[in-house]
Amino acid sequence: MKFVGAGILFAFLLSLAGCGDSLQTAENKPSTPATFQPSSVPQPTASPSPARPNLQSQLLDDRYKKTNSPIGAVDFKNYSYPLPHGWQNPDGSDLTLTNGKLDPVGADTDIGMDPDEAAAAKSQRRIGATYVTTRYFDVTGDGQDEAFVVLKIETFGSAVPQIVYVFSDVQDKPELIWYFRTGDRADGGLKDVRPENGNMVVELYGQDRFLLGGIETSKITDDFEQICCPTHFTRSFYKWNGKNFQLQGKRLTFSIADPKAPPVENMAEQVEKQKGGKK
């Protein structure tokens, strides 16, 4: 019996030794790190930029493009035009288009430049122009259409102001009777020019923007917006008095974002009245 008990004890000790080896092996075996699984982060989707509006769509449509007046035979794409006061070339030269185009001439100057050299360089500068369109309608009351020639001023800057030249037919020759300049796109740029009840209608982009004579447009203080994308335009009316066009009636400012909204009449006066009331 002792022999049997001793055999059983010996077998039990061997089994413990085996378990100890197995435990030691498991403890000494290096653990395998978990593989990092990056979380799925949605990537931002680039939204397309809104298309910039075509600010010349009305001006370039098919209205008032034909006439039976002799002035319709004049080639205004190959013609010379005077520059308005304040915009003249250093040598006083006109804008002379060839096939509807006149390239500007630039000359660089800097602060440290010799004054005489700077003056000589500036004297070489010339304004350019591009023909835009011609419209024909009668606003002088003589039964003959006038020609409204629109040119875009070209310089080496990004601004695109325009000039509208009004020609009347005098003894089968074009005679310049008036001209006016406009602002740059949303800043008083030309939207449309057309006849209405014998008057000339001018629409300029901006709030209460209208013609102050032939060389300037009005502007409400602090009327700032993106130059590409006007939010308002102003409609004003002018009557020919034999020498120039005079403003008639009320100036109407329309919202482009809300075409159904009623226009604001003579906005500049209303703004000034509100400012006066706040004092």
Protein backbone atom coordinates (compact mmCIF):
# COMPACT_ATOMS: atom_id res chain seq x y z
CA MET A 1 0.00 0.00 0.00
CA LYS A 2 2.90 2.31 0.79
CA PHE A 3 4.33 1.62 -2.67
CA VAL A 4 1.06 2.48 -4.33
CA GLY A 5 0.76 5.67 -2.28
CA ALA A 6 4.27 6.64 -3.13
CA GLY A 7 3.61 6.14 -6.86
CA ILE A 8 0.53 8.27 -6.71
CA LEU A 9 2.41 11.06 -4.92
CA PHE A 10 5.24 10.93 -7.46
CA ALA A 11 2.79 11.22 -10.40
CA PHE A 12 1.08 14.17 -8.72
CA LEU A 13 4.39 15.97 -8.28
CA LEU A 14 5.25 15.42 -11.96
CA SER A 15 1.94 16.89 -13.03
CA LEU A 16 2.56 19.98 -10.91
CA ALA A 17 5.97 20.40 -12.48
CA GLY A 18 4.42 20.23 -15.97
CA CYS A 19 1.83 22.82 -15.08
CA GLY A 20 4.54 25.07 -13.72
CA ASP A 21 6.41 24.90 -17.05
CA SER A 22 3.23 25.67 -18.92
CA LEU A 23 2.47 28.68 -16.69
CA GLN A 24 6.03 29.97 -16.97
CA THR A 25 5.92 29.65 -20.77
CA ALA A 26 2.62 31.57 -20.94
CA GLU A 27 3.91 34.31 -18.63
CA ASN A 28 7.20 34.75 -20.52
CA LYS A 29 5.62 34.82 -24.00
CA PRO A 30 5.39 38.41 -25.27
CA SER A 31 1.87 39.65 -25.90
CA THR A 32 0.86 40.70 -29.41
CA PRO A 33 -0.30 44.37 -29.51
CA ALA A 34 -3.75 45.08 -30.91
CA THR A 35 -3.75 46.48 -34.44
CA PHE A 36 -4.88 50.18 -34.53
CA GLN A 37 -8.01 50.63 -36.55
CA PRO A 38 -8.47 54.28 -37.50
CA SER A 39 -11.99 55.56 -37.16
CA SER A 40 -13.72 56.55 -40.36
CA VAL A 41 -13.84 60.37 -40.43
CA PRO A 42 -16.10 61.84 -43.10
CA GLN A 43 -14.16 64.16 -45.40
CA PRO A 44 -15.63 67.61 -46.07
CA THR A 45 -17.23 67.97 -49.45
CA ALA A 46 -16.29 71.14 -51.31
CA SER A 47 -19.41 73.03 -52.27
CA PRO A 48 -19.27 74.74 -55.66
CA SER A 49 -18.89 78.52 -55.59
CA PRO A 50 -22.08 80.33 -56.63
CA ALA A 51 -21.98 81.55 -60.20
CA ARG A 52 -21.35 85.27 -60.50
CA PRO A 53 -24.26 87.09 -62.10
CA ASN A 54 -23.93 88.44 -65.62
CA LEU A 55 -24.31 92.15 -64.91
CA GLN A 56 -24.49 93.06 -68.61
CA SER A 57 -27.26 90.67 -69.68
CA GLN A 58 -29.88 93.40 -70.14
CA LEU A 59 -27.48 95.77 -71.82
CA LEU A 60 -26.46 93.13 -74.34
CA ASP A 61 -29.90 91.76 -75.21
CA ASP A 62 -31.60 92.33 -78.56
CA ARG A 63 -33.56 95.48 -77.67
CA TYR A 64 -32.92 98.74 -79.57
CA LYS A 65 -30.20 97.25 -81.76
CA LYS A 66 -31.67 98.34 -85.12
CA THR A 67 -32.66 101.70 -86.57
CA ASN A 68 -33.80 103.31 -89.79
CA SER A 69 -31.92 106.50 -88.94
CA PRO A 70 -28.80 107.29 -91.01
CA ILE A 71 -26.79 107.11 -87.79
CA GLY A 72 -27.22 103.35 -87.90
CA ALA A 73 -24.66 103.22 -90.74
CA VAL A 74 -21.84 104.67 -88.59
CA ASP A 75 -19.11 102.19 -87.65
CA PHE A 76 -18.69 102.95 -83.96
CA LYS A 77 -16.17 100.11 -83.58
CA ASN A 78 -13.74 102.20 -85.60
CA TYR A 79 -14.26 105.64 -84.19
CA SER A 80 -12.68 108.27 -81.90
CA TYR A 81 -14.22 109.29 -78.58
CA PRO A 82 -13.25 112.08 -76.15
CA LEU A 83 -12.42 111.15 -72.57
CA PRO A 84 -14.45 112.73 -69.74
CA HIS A 85 -13.03 115.40 -67.46
CA GLY A 86 -10.70 113.82 -64.92
CA TRP A 87 -9.94 110.85 -67.11
CA GLN A 88 -7.94 112.51 -69.86
CA ASN A 89 -4.70 111.11 -71.20
CA PRO A 90 -1.57 113.14 -70.36
CA ASP A 91 -1.36 114.27 -74.00
CA GLY A 92 -5.09 114.96 -74.27
CA SER A 93 -5.59 112.28 -76.92
CA ASP A 94 -8.95 110.66 -77.62
CA LEU A 95 -9.95 107.00 -77.48
CA THR A 96 -9.55 105.77 -81.04
CA LEU A 97 -10.88 102.26 -81.49
CA THR A 98 -9.74 99.83 -84.15
CA ASN A 99 -12.12 96.91 -84.59
CA GLY A 100 -13.66 97.80 -81.25
CA LYS A 101 -10.45 97.80 -79.24
CA LEU A 102 -7.76 100.14 -77.92
CA ASP A 103 -5.13 98.65 -75.63
CA PRO A 104 -3.99 100.69 -72.63
CA VAL A 105 -0.37 101.79 -72.27
CA GLY A 106 1.26 101.49 -68.85
CA ALA A 107 4.44 102.81 -67.29
CA ASP A 108 5.83 101.71 -63.92
CA THR A 109 7.00 104.20 -61.29
CA ASP A 110 8.16 103.83 -57.69
CA ILE A 111 8.74 106.05 -54.65
CA GLY A 112 12.51 106.16 -55.02
CA MET A 113 12.41 107.06 -58.69
CA ASP A 114 13.93 110.31 -59.91
CA PRO A 115 11.06 112.86 -60.15
CA ASP A 116 11.87 113.77 -63.73
CA GLU A 117 12.00 110.11 -64.75
CA ALA A 118 8.72 109.43 -62.95
CA ALA A 119 7.05 112.36 -64.68
CA ALA A 120 8.37 111.19 -68.06
CA ALA A 121 7.05 107.66 -67.41
CA LYS A 122 3.61 108.91 -66.38
CA SER A 123 3.40 111.01 -69.54
CA GLN A 124 3.52 107.80 -71.58
CA ARG A 125 0.44 106.29 -69.98
CA ARG A 126 -2.70 105.92 -72.08
CA ILE A 127 -6.21 104.75 -71.23
CA GLY A 128 -7.64 101.93 -73.35
CA ALA A 129 -11.21 100.97 -74.20
CA THR A 130 -13.35 98.16 -75.55
CA TYR A 131 -16.56 98.54 -77.53
CA VAL A 132 -19.53 96.99 -75.70
CA THR A 133 -22.69 97.76 -77.66
CA THR A 134 -24.78 100.43 -79.41
CA ARG A 135 -28.46 101.11 -78.82
CA TYR A 136 -30.76 103.28 -80.93
CA PHE A 137 -33.78 105.25 -79.72
CA ASP A 138 -35.11 108.81 -79.87
CA VAL A 139 -34.81 110.94 -76.73
CA THR A 140 -34.48 114.40 -78.27
CA GLY A 141 -37.95 114.43 -79.77
CA ASP A 142 -36.82 115.06 -83.34
CA GLY A 143 -38.24 111.78 -84.65
CA GLN A 144 -34.78 110.38 -85.38
CA ASP A 145 -33.03 107.80 -83.24
CA GLU A 146 -29.95 108.72 -81.29
CA ALA A 147 -27.07 106.26 -80.93
CA PHE A 148 -26.06 105.28 -77.40
CA VAL A 149 -22.56 103.82 -77.66
CA VAL A 150 -21.24 101.98 -74.60
CA LEU A 151 -17.48 101.60 -74.08
CA LYS A 152 -15.68 99.78 -71.29
CA ILE A 153 -12.63 101.62 -69.98
CA GLU A 154 -9.45 99.53 -69.95
CA THR A 155 -6.54 100.16 -67.59
CA PHE A 156 -4.11 97.83 -65.85
CA GLY A 157 -6.37 97.60 -62.79
CA SER A 158 -9.36 95.36 -62.14
CA ALA A 159 -12.05 98.05 -62.30
CA VAL A 160 -14.42 98.07 -65.29
CA PRO A 161 -16.17 101.46 -65.45
CA GLN A 162 -18.04 102.39 -68.62
CA ILE A 163 -18.83 105.48 -70.67
CA VAL A 164 -22.04 106.01 -72.65
CA TYR A 165 -21.74 108.38 -75.62
CA VAL A 166 -24.95 109.83 -77.09
CA PHE A 167 -24.78 110.73 -80.80
CA SER A 168 -27.45 112.50 -82.81
CA ASP A 169 -27.66 112.59 -86.59
CA VAL A 170 -26.97 116.08 -87.93
CA GLN A 171 -27.00 116.40 -91.73
CA ASP A 172 -26.20 112.70 -92.07
CA LYS A 173 -23.22 112.95 -89.73
CA PRO A 174 -22.95 111.78 -86.12
CA GLU A 175 -22.69 114.60 -83.60
CA LEU A 176 -21.80 113.89 -79.97
CA ILE A 177 -24.43 115.67 -77.89
CA TRP A 178 -23.70 114.22 -74.44
CA TYR A 179 -21.88 111.47 -72.59
CA PHE A 180 -21.84 110.08 -69.08
CA ARG A 181 -19.61 107.69 -67.19
CA THR A 182 -20.68 104.98 -64.78
CA GLY A 183 -19.13 103.19 -61.83
CA ASP A 184 -17.65 99.72 -61.52
CA ARG A 185 -20.06 96.75 -61.41
CA ALA A 186 -21.89 96.78 -58.03
CA ASP A 187 -20.42 100.22 -57.37
CA GLY A 188 -22.65 102.17 -59.75
CA GLY A 189 -22.05 100.02 -62.82
CA LEU A 190 -24.37 100.26 -65.82
CA LYS A 191 -27.28 97.81 -65.82
CA ASP A 192 -29.47 99.24 -68.58
CA VAL A 193 -30.21 102.33 -70.67
CA ARG A 194 -33.47 102.61 -72.62
CA PRO A 195 -36.29 105.01 -73.61
CA GLU A 196 -39.54 105.53 -71.72
CA ASN A 197 -42.19 108.17 -72.51
CA GLY A 198 -39.66 110.32 -74.34
CA ASN A 199 -37.15 110.17 -71.48
CA MET A 200 -33.88 108.31 -71.10
CA VAL A 201 -33.99 105.65 -68.39
CA VAL A 202 -30.68 104.73 -66.74
CA GLU A 203 -30.31 101.83 -64.32
CA LEU A 204 -27.16 101.66 -62.20
CA TYR A 205 -26.19 99.00 -59.69
CA GLY A 206 -26.21 100.16 -56.07
CA GLN A 207 -28.49 102.04 -53.69
CA ASP A 208 -29.75 105.37 -55.02
CA ARG A 209 -27.04 105.54 -57.70
CA PHE A 210 -27.86 108.12 -60.35
CA LEU A 211 -26.08 110.54 -62.69
CA LEU A 212 -24.68 113.79 -61.30
CA GLY A 213 -24.12 115.50 -64.62
CA GLY A 214 -22.08 113.57 -67.12
CA ILE A 215 -18.96 112.71 -65.19
CA GLU A 216 -20.02 111.40 -61.79
CA THR A 217 -22.63 109.24 -60.04
CA SER A 218 -24.13 109.74 -56.61
CA LYS A 219 -23.34 107.36 -53.76
CA ILE A 220 -24.86 106.86 -50.32
CA THR A 221 -22.23 106.94 -47.59
CA ASP A 222 -21.34 103.44 -46.29
CA ASP A 223 -23.07 101.73 -49.24
CA PHE A 224 -20.53 98.92 -49.53
CA GLU A 225 -21.05 95.44 -51.00
CA GLN A 226 -19.16 92.80 -52.96
CA ILE A 227 -18.10 94.37 -56.22
CA CYS A 228 -19.10 91.25 -58.18
CA CYS A 229 -22.57 90.78 -56.79
CA PRO A 230 -24.86 93.81 -56.34
CA THR A 231 -27.88 93.55 -54.06
CA HIS A 232 -29.71 96.64 -55.40
CA PHE A 233 -30.07 98.78 -58.49
CA THR A 234 -31.43 102.27 -59.04
CA ARG A 235 -33.70 103.45 -61.86
CA SER A 236 -33.66 107.15 -62.73
CA PHE A 237 -35.19 109.23 -65.52
CA TYR A 238 -33.67 112.05 -67.63
CA LYS A 239 -35.13 114.51 -70.14
CA TRP A 240 -33.20 116.25 -72.92
CA ASN A 241 -33.42 120.06 -72.69
CA GLY A 242 -31.43 120.86 -75.85
CA LYS A 243 -28.07 120.96 -74.07
CA ASN A 244 -27.99 118.06 -71.63
CA PHE A 245 -30.12 115.51 -69.82
CA GLN A 246 -31.83 116.65 -66.62
CA LEU A 247 -33.03 114.35 -63.84
CA GLN A 248 -36.79 113.88 -63.74
CA GLY A 249 -39.09 112.59 -61.00
CA LYS A 250 -38.16 110.17 -58.26
CA ARG A 251 -35.18 107.87 -58.10
CA LEU A 252 -36.22 104.28 -57.44
CA THR A 253 -34.01 101.75 -55.64
CA PHE A 254 -34.97 98.10 -56.19
CA SER A 255 -33.88 94.99 -54.30
CA ILE A 256 -32.35 92.31 -56.52
CA ALA A 257 -32.78 89.63 -53.84
CA ASP A 258 -36.50 90.43 -53.48
CA PRO A 259 -37.84 91.53 -56.89
CA LYS A 260 -41.40 91.75 -55.50
CA ALA A 261 -40.45 94.32 -52.87
CA PRO A 262 -41.63 97.87 -53.66
CA PRO A 263 -38.83 100.28 -54.63
CA VAL A 264 -37.48 102.82 -52.18
CA GLU A 265 -38.00 106.36 -53.40
CA ASN A 266 -35.16 108.89 -53.13
CA MET A 267 -33.26 106.71 -50.67
CA ALA A 268 -30.48 109.24 -49.98
CA GLU A 269 -32.96 111.75 -48.55
CA GLN A 270 -34.54 109.07 -46.37
CA VAL A 271 -31.14 108.03 -45.03
CA GLU A 272 -30.26 111.64 -44.20
CA LYS A 273 -33.62 112.11 -42.49
CA GLN A 274 -33.03 109.02 -40.34
CA LYS A 275 -29.58 110.28 -39.39
CA GLY A 276 -31.04 113.63 -38.42
CA GLY A 277 -33.64 111.95 -36.23
CA LYS A 278 -30.99 110.05 -34.29
CA LYS A 279 -29.12 113.17 -33.21
